[in-house]
Amino acid sequence: MPVVFQVDFPFNGPWGEDLAAAMADLAADIAGEPGLIWKIWTENPDTGRAGGVYLFETGEAARNYAAKHLERLEAFGVSGIVHHQFQINESLSGITRFTGKG
């Protein structure tokens, strides 16, 4: 069953295309994570927070990535991290166009 992992944290920028340029290598690395179906990169310059919403094939893949990612953020000195994992109600989500694919 697919699992969503959501994380956000305080972030001072860069934003938009500057963030895309700065994080291209990290994005390529994340794309190779076992069990990752997709990731949406999130940013809000008005609130100074950034993060992502990830869809993983299994809860185990989501937990493994979450542990790695949270450790990486903390090593960078990031605090105030908010994160959650959710199972997906595929019946209801299918009505609202969820396919489980990218």
N, C-alpha and C. Protein backbone atom coordinates (compact mmCIF):
# COMPACT_ATOMS: atom_id res chain seq x y z
N MET A 1 0.83 -1.18 0.00
CA MET A 1 0.00 0.00 0.00
C MET A 1 0.88 1.25 0.00
N PRO A 2 0.63 2.20 -0.87
CA PRO A 2 1.43 3.44 -0.91
C PRO A 2 1.30 4.24 0.39
N VAL A 3 2.38 4.92 0.74
CA VAL A 3 2.44 5.72 1.96
C VAL A 3 2.97 7.11 1.62
N VAL A 4 2.34 8.13 2.21
CA VAL A 4 2.78 9.51 2.04
C VAL A 4 3.67 9.88 3.21
N PHE A 5 4.79 10.52 2.90
CA PHE A 5 5.66 11.13 3.91
C PHE A 5 5.67 12.62 3.61
N GLN A 6 5.36 13.42 4.62
CA GLN A 6 5.35 14.88 4.46
C GLN A 6 6.31 15.46 5.48
N VAL A 7 7.11 16.44 5.04
CA VAL A 7 8.05 17.12 5.94
C VAL A 7 8.12 18.59 5.57
N ASP A 8 8.23 19.45 6.59
CA ASP A 8 8.54 20.85 6.32
C ASP A 8 9.33 21.39 7.50
N PHE A 9 10.06 22.47 7.24
CA PHE A 9 11.01 23.01 8.21
C PHE A 9 11.31 24.47 7.89
N PRO A 10 11.83 25.20 8.88
CA PRO A 10 12.22 26.59 8.62
C PRO A 10 13.29 26.65 7.54
N PHE A 11 13.16 27.63 6.65
CA PHE A 11 14.09 27.75 5.52
C PHE A 11 14.15 29.21 5.12
N ASN A 12 15.37 29.70 4.91
CA ASN A 12 15.57 31.11 4.55
C ASN A 12 15.83 31.33 3.07
N GLY A 13 15.62 30.32 2.25
CA GLY A 13 15.88 30.45 0.82
C GLY A 13 17.20 29.83 0.47
N PRO A 14 17.49 29.78 -0.80
CA PRO A 14 16.85 30.43 -1.95
C PRO A 14 15.50 29.80 -2.27
N TRP A 15 14.76 30.47 -3.17
CA TRP A 15 13.42 30.06 -3.56
C TRP A 15 13.33 29.92 -5.08
N GLY A 16 12.29 29.26 -5.54
CA GLY A 16 12.01 29.17 -6.97
C GLY A 16 13.14 28.55 -7.77
N GLU A 17 13.47 29.20 -8.88
CA GLU A 17 14.50 28.66 -9.77
C GLU A 17 15.88 28.66 -9.13
N ASP A 18 16.14 29.59 -8.21
CA ASP A 18 17.41 29.57 -7.49
C ASP A 18 17.52 28.33 -6.61
N LEU A 19 16.42 27.95 -5.96
CA LEU A 19 16.40 26.72 -5.18
C LEU A 19 16.58 25.51 -6.09
N ALA A 20 15.91 25.52 -7.23
CA ALA A 20 16.02 24.40 -8.18
C ALA A 20 17.47 24.21 -8.62
N ALA A 21 18.16 25.30 -8.90
CA ALA A 21 19.56 25.19 -9.31
C ALA A 21 20.43 24.69 -8.17
N ALA A 22 20.16 25.17 -6.96
CA ALA A 22 20.98 24.78 -5.81
C ALA A 22 20.76 23.33 -5.40
N MET A 23 19.58 22.80 -5.65
CA MET A 23 19.23 21.46 -5.16
C MET A 23 19.13 20.40 -6.25
N ALA A 24 19.58 20.71 -7.45
CA ALA A 24 19.45 19.76 -8.56
C ALA A 24 20.15 18.44 -8.25
N ASP A 25 21.34 18.48 -7.68
CA ASP A 25 22.05 17.24 -7.36
C ASP A 25 21.32 16.44 -6.29
N LEU A 26 20.80 17.14 -5.27
CA LEU A 26 20.05 16.45 -4.23
C LEU A 26 18.79 15.83 -4.82
N ALA A 27 18.11 16.54 -5.70
CA ALA A 27 16.90 16.00 -6.33
C ALA A 27 17.21 14.72 -7.11
N ALA A 28 18.32 14.73 -7.82
CA ALA A 28 18.72 13.53 -8.57
C ALA A 28 19.00 12.37 -7.62
N ASP A 29 19.62 12.66 -6.48
CA ASP A 29 19.90 11.62 -5.49
C ASP A 29 18.60 11.08 -4.91
N ILE A 30 17.68 11.96 -4.55
CA ILE A 30 16.41 11.53 -3.98
C ILE A 30 15.63 10.69 -4.99
N ALA A 31 15.71 11.03 -6.26
CA ALA A 31 14.99 10.28 -7.30
C ALA A 31 15.39 8.81 -7.32
N GLY A 32 16.57 8.48 -6.83
CA GLY A 32 17.04 7.11 -6.80
C GLY A 32 16.70 6.36 -5.53
N GLU A 33 15.94 6.97 -4.62
CA GLU A 33 15.60 6.31 -3.36
C GLU A 33 14.73 5.08 -3.61
N PRO A 34 15.08 3.97 -2.97
CA PRO A 34 14.27 2.75 -3.12
C PRO A 34 12.83 2.99 -2.70
N GLY A 35 11.91 2.61 -3.55
CA GLY A 35 10.49 2.68 -3.23
C GLY A 35 9.84 4.04 -3.47
N LEU A 36 10.62 5.05 -3.87
CA LEU A 36 10.03 6.36 -4.12
C LEU A 36 9.26 6.34 -5.43
N ILE A 37 8.00 6.78 -5.38
CA ILE A 37 7.19 6.92 -6.59
C ILE A 37 7.34 8.34 -7.12
N TRP A 38 7.17 9.34 -6.23
CA TRP A 38 7.40 10.73 -6.61
C TRP A 38 7.61 11.59 -5.38
N LYS A 39 8.11 12.79 -5.61
CA LYS A 39 8.25 13.80 -4.58
C LYS A 39 7.78 15.13 -5.15
N ILE A 40 7.04 15.88 -4.35
CA ILE A 40 6.69 17.26 -4.66
C ILE A 40 7.50 18.14 -3.72
N TRP A 41 8.28 19.06 -4.27
CA TRP A 41 9.07 20.00 -3.47
C TRP A 41 8.16 21.16 -3.10
N THR A 42 8.11 21.52 -1.83
CA THR A 42 7.24 22.60 -1.37
C THR A 42 8.08 23.75 -0.83
N GLU A 43 7.57 24.96 -1.02
CA GLU A 43 8.26 26.14 -0.50
C GLU A 43 7.24 27.25 -0.26
N ASN A 44 7.48 28.04 0.79
CA ASN A 44 6.62 29.17 1.10
C ASN A 44 7.49 30.31 1.62
N PRO A 45 7.95 31.19 0.74
CA PRO A 45 8.78 32.31 1.18
C PRO A 45 8.09 33.21 2.20
N ASP A 46 6.76 33.31 2.15
CA ASP A 46 6.04 34.18 3.08
C ASP A 46 6.15 33.68 4.52
N THR A 47 6.18 32.37 4.71
CA THR A 47 6.29 31.81 6.06
C THR A 47 7.69 31.31 6.38
N GLY A 48 8.58 31.31 5.37
CA GLY A 48 9.94 30.84 5.59
C GLY A 48 10.03 29.36 5.88
N ARG A 49 9.23 28.56 5.15
CA ARG A 49 9.26 27.11 5.33
C ARG A 49 9.37 26.43 3.97
N ALA A 50 10.04 25.29 3.98
CA ALA A 50 10.18 24.48 2.77
C ALA A 50 10.10 23.02 3.19
N GLY A 51 9.96 22.15 2.21
CA GLY A 51 9.90 20.73 2.52
C GLY A 51 9.46 19.93 1.31
N GLY A 52 8.70 18.88 1.58
CA GLY A 52 8.26 18.05 0.48
C GLY A 52 7.16 17.10 0.88
N VAL A 53 6.47 16.60 -0.14
CA VAL A 53 5.48 15.55 0.00
C VAL A 53 5.95 14.42 -0.89
N TYR A 54 6.09 13.25 -0.32
CA TYR A 54 6.65 12.09 -1.01
C TYR A 54 5.61 10.99 -1.05
N LEU A 55 5.61 10.22 -2.10
CA LEU A 55 4.81 9.01 -2.17
C LEU A 55 5.75 7.83 -2.32
N PHE A 56 5.65 6.89 -1.39
CA PHE A 56 6.47 5.68 -1.41
C PHE A 56 5.60 4.46 -1.64
N GLU A 57 6.20 3.42 -2.21
CA GLU A 57 5.48 2.18 -2.49
C GLU A 57 5.01 1.49 -1.22
N THR A 58 5.81 1.60 -0.13
CA THR A 58 5.50 0.90 1.12
C THR A 58 5.82 1.77 2.33
N GLY A 59 5.24 1.40 3.46
CA GLY A 59 5.57 2.07 4.70
C GLY A 59 7.03 1.89 5.07
N GLU A 60 7.58 0.72 4.80
CA GLU A 60 8.99 0.47 5.11
C GLU A 60 9.89 1.42 4.33
N ALA A 61 9.62 1.60 3.04
CA ALA A 61 10.43 2.52 2.22
C ALA A 61 10.31 3.94 2.74
N ALA A 62 9.10 4.35 3.13
CA ALA A 62 8.89 5.70 3.68
C ALA A 62 9.65 5.87 4.98
N ARG A 63 9.57 4.89 5.88
CA ARG A 63 10.29 4.98 7.16
C ARG A 63 11.79 5.04 6.96
N ASN A 64 12.31 4.23 6.06
CA ASN A 64 13.75 4.22 5.80
C ASN A 64 14.21 5.58 5.28
N TYR A 65 13.47 6.13 4.32
CA TYR A 65 13.84 7.44 3.79
C TYR A 65 13.69 8.52 4.85
N ALA A 66 12.60 8.49 5.61
CA ALA A 66 12.37 9.51 6.63
C ALA A 66 13.53 9.55 7.62
N ALA A 67 13.98 8.40 8.07
CA ALA A 67 15.10 8.36 9.02
C ALA A 67 16.34 9.00 8.41
N LYS A 68 16.63 8.66 7.16
CA LYS A 68 17.80 9.22 6.47
C LYS A 68 17.66 10.73 6.29
N HIS A 69 16.49 11.18 5.85
CA HIS A 69 16.29 12.60 5.56
C HIS A 69 16.31 13.44 6.83
N LEU A 70 15.65 12.97 7.88
CA LEU A 70 15.63 13.72 9.13
C LEU A 70 17.03 13.82 9.72
N GLU A 71 17.80 12.76 9.63
CA GLU A 71 19.19 12.80 10.09
C GLU A 71 20.00 13.82 9.29
N ARG A 72 19.80 13.86 7.98
CA ARG A 72 20.50 14.81 7.12
C ARG A 72 20.13 16.25 7.49
N LEU A 73 18.86 16.53 7.68
CA LEU A 73 18.43 17.88 8.05
C LEU A 73 19.03 18.29 9.38
N GLU A 74 18.98 17.40 10.36
CA GLU A 74 19.54 17.72 11.68
C GLU A 74 21.04 17.95 11.60
N ALA A 75 21.74 17.19 10.75
CA ALA A 75 23.19 17.39 10.57
C ALA A 75 23.49 18.77 9.98
N PHE A 76 22.55 19.32 9.21
CA PHE A 76 22.70 20.67 8.66
C PHE A 76 22.30 21.74 9.68
N GLY A 77 21.90 21.31 10.88
CA GLY A 77 21.52 22.25 11.92
C GLY A 77 20.08 22.72 11.85
N VAL A 78 19.26 22.04 11.06
CA VAL A 78 17.85 22.42 10.92
C VAL A 78 17.09 21.93 12.15
N SER A 79 16.30 22.82 12.73
CA SER A 79 15.41 22.45 13.83
C SER A 79 14.01 22.90 13.47
N GLY A 80 13.03 22.56 14.28
CA GLY A 80 11.66 22.93 13.97
C GLY A 80 11.08 22.11 12.84
N ILE A 81 11.59 20.89 12.68
CA ILE A 81 11.14 20.00 11.61
C ILE A 81 9.79 19.38 11.99
N VAL A 82 8.84 19.44 11.07
CA VAL A 82 7.54 18.80 11.24
C VAL A 82 7.43 17.71 10.20
N HIS A 83 7.07 16.50 10.63
CA HIS A 83 6.96 15.41 9.65
C HIS A 83 5.85 14.45 10.06
N HIS A 84 5.26 13.83 9.04
CA HIS A 84 4.16 12.89 9.24
C HIS A 84 4.24 11.81 8.16
N GLN A 85 3.70 10.64 8.50
CA GLN A 85 3.49 9.59 7.51
C GLN A 85 2.03 9.19 7.55
N PHE A 86 1.45 8.97 6.38
CA PHE A 86 0.04 8.63 6.28
C PHE A 86 -0.15 7.46 5.32
N GLN A 87 -1.03 6.55 5.69
CA GLN A 87 -1.50 5.57 4.74
C GLN A 87 -2.52 6.25 3.86
N ILE A 88 -2.76 5.70 2.69
CA ILE A 88 -3.69 6.30 1.73
C ILE A 88 -4.96 5.47 1.68
N ASN A 89 -6.09 6.15 1.75
CA ASN A 89 -7.37 5.49 1.51
C ASN A 89 -7.54 5.49 -0.01
N GLU A 90 -7.17 4.38 -0.62
CA GLU A 90 -7.15 4.31 -2.09
C GLU A 90 -8.55 4.38 -2.69
N SER A 91 -9.57 3.87 -2.00
CA SER A 91 -10.94 3.92 -2.55
C SER A 91 -11.39 5.36 -2.72
N LEU A 92 -11.29 6.15 -1.65
CA LEU A 92 -11.69 7.55 -1.75
C LEU A 92 -10.75 8.35 -2.63
N SER A 93 -9.46 8.07 -2.53
CA SER A 93 -8.50 8.82 -3.32
C SER A 93 -8.67 8.56 -4.81
N GLY A 94 -9.09 7.36 -5.17
CA GLY A 94 -9.35 7.05 -6.57
C GLY A 94 -10.47 7.91 -7.16
N ILE A 95 -11.46 8.23 -6.34
CA ILE A 95 -12.56 9.10 -6.79
C ILE A 95 -12.02 10.49 -7.12
N THR A 96 -11.00 10.92 -6.38
CA THR A 96 -10.44 12.25 -6.59
C THR A 96 -9.16 12.19 -7.42
N ARG A 97 -9.07 11.18 -8.29
CA ARG A 97 -8.07 11.04 -9.34
C ARG A 97 -6.69 10.55 -8.90
N PHE A 98 -6.53 10.01 -7.70
CA PHE A 98 -5.26 9.42 -7.32
C PHE A 98 -5.04 8.14 -8.09
N THR A 99 -3.84 7.98 -8.65
CA THR A 99 -3.52 6.76 -9.38
C THR A 99 -2.37 5.99 -8.73
N GLY A 100 -1.66 6.63 -7.80
CA GLY A 100 -0.51 5.97 -7.19
C GLY A 100 0.71 6.04 -8.06
N LYS A 101 0.61 6.68 -9.19
CA LYS A 101 1.73 6.80 -10.12
C LYS A 101 2.11 8.27 -10.28
N GLY A 102 3.27 8.50 -10.91
CA GLY A 102 3.75 9.86 -11.12
C GLY A 102 2.99 10.63 -12.14
